[in-house]
Amino acid sequence: MGSQADDYKPTPSPAPLEGLNFPQAICEVKVGNKVTRLSWNNPKEFILLSGGKLCIMKADGPHPLIVSDGDMFGEDWVVVR
């Protein structure tokens, strides 16, 4: 029996992707999509892979992502379009 992340298949780009949990959001990042959280209230900050590492892109460039409990258990991740 697989985990939620194992069973999740990223959706093609045109589909609206809202309400993702953290494992689903990471799956989206792994296929090249950028994700953010609605609760961050800043669509210009998003998660991506940079140099093979999970980073958060801010106004001054990418920073290593420090994942909080809220990030891990949040279900408000969305794919940035």
C-alpha atoms as a PDB file:
ATOM      1  CA  MET A   1       0.000   0.000   0.000  1.00  0.00           C
ATOM      2  CA  GLY A   2       1.552   3.304  -1.118  1.00  0.00           C
ATOM      3  CA  SER A   3       1.662   6.598   0.699  1.00  0.00           C
ATOM      4  CA  GLN A   4      -0.267   9.659  -0.441  1.00  0.00           C
ATOM      5  CA  ALA A   5       2.835  10.924  -2.212  1.00  0.00           C
ATOM      6  CA  ASP A   6       3.343   7.570  -3.972  1.00  0.00           C
ATOM      7  CA  ASP A   7      -0.257   7.559  -5.230  1.00  0.00           C
ATOM      8  CA  TYR A   8      -0.277  11.201  -6.350  1.00  0.00           C
ATOM      9  CA  LYS A   9       0.220  11.944 -10.027  1.00  0.00           C
ATOM     10  CA  PRO A  10       0.994  15.558 -11.013  1.00  0.00           C
ATOM     11  CA  THR A  11      -1.683  17.072 -13.195  1.00  0.00           C
ATOM     12  CA  PRO A  12      -0.948  18.590 -16.616  1.00  0.00           C
ATOM     13  CA  SER A  13      -0.385  22.361 -16.512  1.00  0.00           C
ATOM     14  CA  PRO A  14      -3.814  23.717 -17.518  1.00  0.00           C
ATOM     15  CA  ALA A  15      -5.622  22.075 -14.590  1.00  0.00           C
ATOM     16  CA  PRO A  16      -6.195  24.217 -11.492  1.00  0.00           C
ATOM     17  CA  LEU A  17      -4.197  22.751  -8.641  1.00  0.00           C
ATOM     18  CA  GLU A  18      -5.330  24.071  -5.296  1.00  0.00           C
ATOM     19  CA  GLY A  19      -5.595  22.538  -1.892  1.00  0.00           C
ATOM     20  CA  LEU A  20      -2.577  20.295  -2.232  1.00  0.00           C
ATOM     21  CA  ASN A  21      -0.924  18.786   0.816  1.00  0.00           C
ATOM     22  CA  PHE A  22       2.849  18.926   1.300  1.00  0.00           C
ATOM     23  CA  PRO A  23       3.684  15.537  -0.321  1.00  0.00           C
ATOM     24  CA  GLN A  24       1.584  16.483  -3.356  1.00  0.00           C
ATOM     25  CA  ALA A  25       3.240  19.902  -3.524  1.00  0.00           C
ATOM     26  CA  ILE A  26       6.687  18.280  -3.483  1.00  0.00           C
ATOM     27  CA  CYS A  27       5.606  15.964  -6.308  1.00  0.00           C
ATOM     28  CA  GLU A  28       4.735  19.064  -8.324  1.00  0.00           C
ATOM     29  CA  VAL A  29       8.148  20.593  -7.561  1.00  0.00           C
ATOM     30  CA  LYS A  30       9.865  17.371  -8.638  1.00  0.00           C
ATOM     31  CA  VAL A  31       8.323  17.663 -12.128  1.00  0.00           C
ATOM     32  CA  GLY A  32       9.414  21.293 -12.460  1.00  0.00           C
ATOM     33  CA  ASN A  33       6.409  23.217 -11.178  1.00  0.00           C
ATOM     34  CA  LYS A  34       6.641  26.030  -8.644  1.00  0.00           C
ATOM     35  CA  VAL A  35       4.356  25.905  -5.591  1.00  0.00           C
ATOM     36  CA  THR A  36       3.284  28.359  -2.921  1.00  0.00           C
ATOM     37  CA  ARG A  37       0.907  28.401   0.035  1.00  0.00           C
ATOM     38  CA  LEU A  38      -2.243  30.504   0.018  1.00  0.00           C
ATOM     39  CA  SER A  39      -1.612  31.340   3.694  1.00  0.00           C
ATOM     40  CA  TRP A  40       1.689  33.018   2.764  1.00  0.00           C
ATOM     41  CA  ASN A  41      -0.311  35.809   1.065  1.00  0.00           C
ATOM     42  CA  ASN A  42       2.632  36.453  -1.246  1.00  0.00           C
ATOM     43  CA  PRO A  43       2.399  34.804  -4.672  1.00  0.00           C
ATOM     44  CA  LYS A  44       5.903  36.081  -5.483  1.00  0.00           C
ATOM     45  CA  GLU A  45       7.371  33.652  -2.924  1.00  0.00           C
ATOM     46  CA  PHE A  46       7.354  30.078  -4.098  1.00  0.00           C
ATOM     47  CA  ILE A  47       9.145  26.757  -3.685  1.00  0.00           C
ATOM     48  CA  LEU A  48      11.313  25.289  -6.426  1.00  0.00           C
ATOM     49  CA  LEU A  49      14.338  23.094  -6.942  1.00  0.00           C
ATOM     50  CA  SER A  50      17.517  25.132  -7.341  1.00  0.00           C
ATOM     51  CA  GLY A  51      20.843  23.396  -7.712  1.00  0.00           C
ATOM     52  CA  GLY A  52      19.200  20.113  -6.686  1.00  0.00           C
ATOM     53  CA  LYS A  53      17.972  21.608  -3.397  1.00  0.00           C
ATOM     54  CA  LEU A  54      14.529  22.620  -2.233  1.00  0.00           C
ATOM     55  CA  CYS A  55      14.499  26.423  -2.058  1.00  0.00           C
ATOM     56  CA  ILE A  56      12.103  29.276  -1.515  1.00  0.00           C
ATOM     57  CA  MET A  57      12.371  32.047  -4.068  1.00  0.00           C
ATOM     58  CA  LYS A  58      12.184  35.497  -2.532  1.00  0.00           C
ATOM     59  CA  ALA A  59      12.708  38.973  -3.993  1.00  0.00           C
ATOM     60  CA  ASP A  60      16.479  38.712  -3.466  1.00  0.00           C
ATOM     61  CA  GLY A  61      16.827  35.203  -4.912  1.00  0.00           C
ATOM     62  CA  PRO A  62      16.577  31.578  -3.753  1.00  0.00           C
ATOM     63  CA  HIS A  63      17.076  30.627  -0.096  1.00  0.00           C
ATOM     64  CA  PRO A  64      17.258  27.148   1.459  1.00  0.00           C
ATOM     65  CA  LEU A  65      13.777  26.107   2.537  1.00  0.00           C
ATOM     66  CA  ILE A  66      13.260  25.509   6.237  1.00  0.00           C
ATOM     67  CA  VAL A  67      10.052  23.488   6.386  1.00  0.00           C
ATOM     68  CA  SER A  68       7.770  24.245   9.336  1.00  0.00           C
ATOM     69  CA  ASP A  69       5.126  21.990  10.865  1.00  0.00           C
ATOM     70  CA  GLY A  70       2.552  24.302   9.297  1.00  0.00           C
ATOM     71  CA  ASP A  71       4.114  23.723   5.867  1.00  0.00           C
ATOM     72  CA  MET A  72       4.182  19.946   6.333  1.00  0.00           C
ATOM     73  CA  PHE A  73       0.588  19.698   7.518  1.00  0.00           C
ATOM     74  CA  GLY A  74      -0.866  22.534   5.439  1.00  0.00           C
ATOM     75  CA  GLU A  75      -3.327  21.686   2.704  1.00  0.00           C
ATOM     76  CA  ASP A  76      -3.320  25.080   1.006  1.00  0.00           C
ATOM     77  CA  TRP A  77      -0.432  24.514  -1.403  1.00  0.00           C
ATOM     78  CA  VAL A  78      -1.064  25.648  -4.964  1.00  0.00           C
ATOM     79  CA  VAL A  79       0.866  25.425  -8.204  1.00  0.00           C
ATOM     80  CA  VAL A  80       2.079  28.820  -9.411  1.00  0.00           C
ATOM     81  CA  ARG A  81       0.897  29.522 -12.965  1.00  0.00           C
END
